[in-house]
Protein backbone atom coordinates (compact mmCIF):
# COMPACT_ATOMS: atom_id res chain seq x y z
CA MET A 1 35.95 -31.03 -21.69
CA ASN A 2 34.38 -29.03 -24.48
CA ALA A 3 33.91 -25.24 -24.62
CA HIS A 4 30.16 -25.45 -23.54
CA SER A 5 31.03 -27.49 -20.46
CA LEU A 6 33.76 -25.13 -19.49
CA ASP A 7 31.38 -22.08 -19.83
CA THR A 8 28.81 -23.89 -17.63
CA THR A 9 31.45 -24.67 -15.02
CA LEU A 10 32.75 -21.12 -14.88
CA SER A 11 29.26 -19.57 -14.80
CA ALA A 12 27.72 -21.72 -12.11
CA PRO A 13 29.63 -20.19 -9.11
CA ALA A 14 28.86 -16.71 -10.34
CA SER A 15 25.22 -17.55 -10.43
CA LEU A 16 25.36 -18.94 -6.87
CA ALA A 17 27.29 -15.89 -5.58
CA ALA A 18 24.97 -13.32 -7.09
CA PRO A 19 21.39 -14.55 -7.10
CA ALA A 20 18.83 -12.42 -8.87
CA PRO A 21 17.21 -9.86 -6.50
CA GLU A 22 13.65 -10.77 -5.29
CA ALA A 23 10.94 -8.71 -6.82
CA ARG A 24 9.15 -6.50 -4.30
CA SER A 25 5.82 -4.93 -4.52
CA THR A 26 5.58 -1.29 -5.53
CA PRO A 27 4.29 0.60 -3.64
CA PRO A 28 5.28 -1.22 -0.36
CA GLY A 29 2.59 -2.80 1.75
CA ASP A 30 -0.82 -4.08 0.89
CA LEU A 31 -2.58 -2.62 -2.13
CA ALA A 32 -5.65 -2.21 -0.17
CA ILE A 33 -4.16 0.28 2.22
CA TRP A 34 -3.26 2.47 -0.79
CA PHE A 35 -6.84 2.55 -1.95
CA PHE A 36 -7.90 3.50 1.61
CA ILE A 37 -5.18 6.21 1.75
CA LEU A 38 -6.24 7.65 -1.60
CA ALA A 39 -9.88 7.68 -0.43
CA GLU A 40 -8.86 9.57 2.77
CA LEU A 41 -6.76 12.04 0.82
CA LEU A 42 -9.76 12.66 -1.49
CA VAL A 43 -11.96 13.49 1.64
CA PHE A 44 -9.31 15.86 3.02
CA ALA A 45 -8.90 17.48 -0.44
CA VAL A 46 -12.69 18.27 -0.50
CA PHE A 47 -12.47 19.74 3.00
CA PHE A 48 -9.43 21.91 1.97
CA ALA A 49 -11.25 23.06 -1.21
CA ALA A 50 -14.28 23.97 0.80
CA TYR A 51 -12.14 25.86 3.32
CA ALA A 52 -10.41 27.77 0.61
CA PHE A 53 -13.67 28.69 -1.07
CA ALA A 54 -15.22 29.92 2.20
CA ARG A 55 -12.04 31.93 2.99
CA ALA A 56 -12.22 33.64 -0.30
CA GLN A 57 -15.76 34.79 0.52
CA ASP A 58 -14.66 36.45 3.75
CA VAL A 59 -10.95 37.06 3.86
CA ALA A 60 -11.16 39.66 6.60
CA LEU A 61 -12.98 37.35 9.04
CA PHE A 62 -10.57 34.51 8.48
CA ASN A 63 -7.55 36.69 8.80
CA ALA A 64 -8.94 38.15 12.02
CA MET A 65 -9.72 34.77 13.54
CA GLN A 66 -6.33 33.33 12.60
CA ASP A 67 -4.83 35.83 14.98
CA HIS A 68 -6.37 33.89 17.86
CA LEU A 69 -4.59 30.63 16.85
CA ASP A 70 -1.40 29.50 18.58
CA ARG A 71 1.03 29.20 15.69
CA ASN A 72 3.83 28.13 18.06
CA ALA A 73 1.70 25.16 19.17
CA GLY A 74 0.95 24.42 15.54
CA GLY A 75 4.59 24.55 14.64
CA ILE A 76 5.64 22.31 17.53
CA ASN A 77 2.91 19.81 16.48
CA THR A 78 4.29 19.91 12.94
CA VAL A 79 7.70 19.10 14.20
CA LEU A 80 6.30 16.24 16.35
CA LEU A 81 4.48 14.61 13.44
CA ILE A 82 7.53 14.97 11.03
CA THR A 83 9.73 13.46 13.66
CA ALA A 84 7.27 10.60 14.17
CA SER A 85 7.29 9.89 10.49
CA TRP A 86 11.12 9.92 10.44
CA CYS A 87 11.09 7.45 13.35
CA VAL A 88 8.59 5.20 11.50
CA ALA A 89 10.85 5.29 8.38
CA ARG A 90 13.79 4.30 10.54
CA ALA A 91 11.79 1.45 12.02
CA VAL A 92 10.92 0.10 8.62
CA ARG A 93 14.45 0.32 7.39
CA ALA A 94 15.81 -1.42 10.56
CA VAL A 95 13.36 -4.26 10.24
CA CYS A 96 13.02 -4.72 6.41
CA GLU A 97 16.67 -4.08 5.39
CA HIS A 98 18.60 -5.30 8.45
CA GLY A 99 16.17 -7.67 10.32
CA ARG A 100 16.66 -5.69 13.60
CA SER A 101 13.36 -6.11 15.33
CA ALA A 102 14.45 -4.60 18.65
CA THR A 103 15.82 -1.51 16.93
CA GLY A 104 12.65 -1.20 14.87
CA ALA A 105 10.54 -1.48 18.02
CA HIS A 106 12.49 1.34 19.70
CA TRP A 107 11.93 3.65 16.71
CA LEU A 108 8.21 2.83 16.71
CA ALA A 109 8.05 3.65 20.42
CA ALA A 110 9.69 6.97 19.75
CA ALA A 111 7.08 7.65 16.96
CA ILE A 112 4.25 6.76 19.37
CA ALA A 113 5.64 9.18 21.97
CA CYS A 114 5.76 11.98 19.31
CA GLY A 115 2.21 11.28 18.23
CA GLY A 116 1.09 11.24 21.83
CA GLY A 117 2.76 14.64 22.27
CA PHE A 118 0.80 15.91 19.29
CA LEU A 119 -2.48 14.82 20.80
CA ALA A 120 -1.70 16.25 24.21
CA LEU A 121 -0.79 19.72 22.76
CA LYS A 122 -3.91 19.66 20.52
CA CYS A 123 -6.10 18.94 23.53
CA VAL A 124 -4.56 22.00 25.30
CA GLU A 125 -5.47 24.02 22.25
CA TYR A 126 -9.02 22.71 22.12
CA ALA A 127 -9.44 23.38 25.90
CA GLY A 128 -8.39 27.01 25.40
CA LYS A 129 -10.84 27.49 22.60
CA PHE A 130 -13.79 25.84 24.44
CA ALA A 131 -13.07 27.89 27.52
CA ALA A 132 -13.27 31.05 25.43
CA GLY A 133 -16.76 29.93 24.28
CA ILE A 134 -15.71 28.99 20.85
CA SER A 135 -17.78 26.29 19.12
CA LEU A 136 -18.81 25.08 15.64
CA SER A 137 -21.49 27.69 15.47
CA THR A 138 -19.36 30.69 16.41
CA ASN A 139 -18.57 31.58 12.86
CA THR A 140 -17.39 30.00 9.53
CA PHE A 141 -13.76 29.99 10.44
CA TRP A 142 -14.13 28.27 13.72
CA MET A 143 -16.55 25.82 12.15
CA PHE A 144 -13.84 24.83 9.64
CA TYR A 145 -10.99 24.98 12.10
CA LEU A 146 -12.62 22.65 14.63
CA SER A 147 -14.01 20.28 11.91
CA LEU A 148 -10.71 20.04 9.96
CA THR A 149 -8.44 19.73 12.93
CA PHE A 150 -10.67 17.32 14.83
CA PHE A 151 -11.10 15.13 11.81
CA HIS A 152 -7.29 14.94 11.49
CA PHE A 153 -7.09 14.45 15.28
CA MET A 154 -9.14 11.26 15.00
CA HIS A 155 -6.80 10.10 12.16
CA VAL A 156 -3.92 10.61 14.50
CA ILE A 157 -5.56 8.45 17.13
CA LEU A 158 -6.15 5.68 14.61
CA GLY A 159 -2.58 6.06 13.45
CA LEU A 160 -1.29 5.67 17.05
CA VAL A 161 -3.42 2.52 17.55
CA ILE A 162 -1.92 1.13 14.32
CA LEU A 163 1.60 2.00 15.46
CA SER A 164 1.01 0.43 18.81
CA ILE A 165 -0.04 -2.78 17.28
CA LEU A 166 3.01 -2.67 14.96
CA TRP A 167 5.26 -2.04 17.94
CA LEU A 168 3.94 -5.13 19.72
CA GLN A 169 4.33 -7.27 16.58
CA THR A 170 7.85 -5.92 15.86
CA ARG A 171 8.88 -6.44 19.44
CA ARG A 172 7.91 -10.09 19.19
CA GLY A 173 9.82 -10.48 15.92
CA GLY A 174 6.71 -10.68 13.76
CA TYR A 175 8.33 -8.80 10.84
CA GLY A 176 11.58 -9.14 9.00
CA PRO A 177 13.13 -8.83 5.51
CA GLY A 178 10.72 -10.29 3.00
CA HIS A 179 7.72 -10.42 5.35
CA ALA A 180 6.87 -6.98 6.52
CA ASN A 181 3.73 -6.17 4.63
CA GLY A 182 1.88 -5.17 7.72
CA LEU A 183 4.61 -2.93 8.98
CA GLU A 184 4.93 -1.14 5.62
CA SER A 185 1.17 -0.78 5.33
CA GLY A 186 0.91 0.84 8.83
CA ALA A 187 3.87 3.08 8.02
CA ALA A 188 2.18 4.20 4.78
CA TYR A 189 -0.88 5.21 6.67
CA TRP A 190 1.07 7.19 9.29
CA HIS A 191 2.96 9.05 6.49
CA MET A 192 -0.50 9.91 5.10
CA VAL A 193 -1.58 11.41 8.40
CA ASP A 194 1.62 13.44 8.54
CA LEU A 195 1.24 14.67 4.93
CA VAL A 196 -2.30 15.91 5.62
CA TRP A 197 -1.10 17.95 8.65
CA ILE A 198 1.73 19.44 6.61
CA VAL A 199 -0.96 20.86 4.28
CA LEU A 200 -3.47 21.66 6.99
CA PHE A 201 -1.10 23.62 9.24
CA PRO A 202 -0.13 26.32 6.70
CA LEU A 203 -3.56 26.45 5.25
CA VAL A 204 -5.39 27.10 8.46
CA TYR A 205 -2.77 28.60 10.78
CA VAL A 206 -0.46 30.63 8.46
CA MET A 207 -2.06 31.51 5.11
CA ARG A 208 -3.17 35.13 4.95
């Protein structure tokens, strides 16, 4: 046996024992969802810029109206959305790294529960404002508050519809390591919804 054959014999088992890692897409999920997310973020950015400009024109009004907001409710909703995003991340990890569909489905169910809590609490806030006679035409602050938060509210609803579909698919074993594009795409959308609220809450509820 010559030296070349010996090298080949010794290197073959090593190659079998340590296969090259599979290339994965970056960012995770479908490219189309990232274009959609970027477009949505751009729309929210325009809204936020318009709010900041309007606030600068009448700081006293905005400060006075902010005193009528329930910061505790807003803070609880922030915790609910961050917790939901954490649960979604756990679900993706359970499915994509460990192939544990049942565990992933449980985490998605927890995320859906947190998102549902957000919607319920937001509806209580809206009911209080409407009962007080507040509407889009009350003043500039309430026009922005209702427009911004309701626009985000609709995104949370869409996010929960997506998470519900992902929960059903995950529960049936539809995703696993190497074939979880749909799960990763839906997770990315939900994280976008969470990110927008993390900016919206301090901007509208807290900033003085």
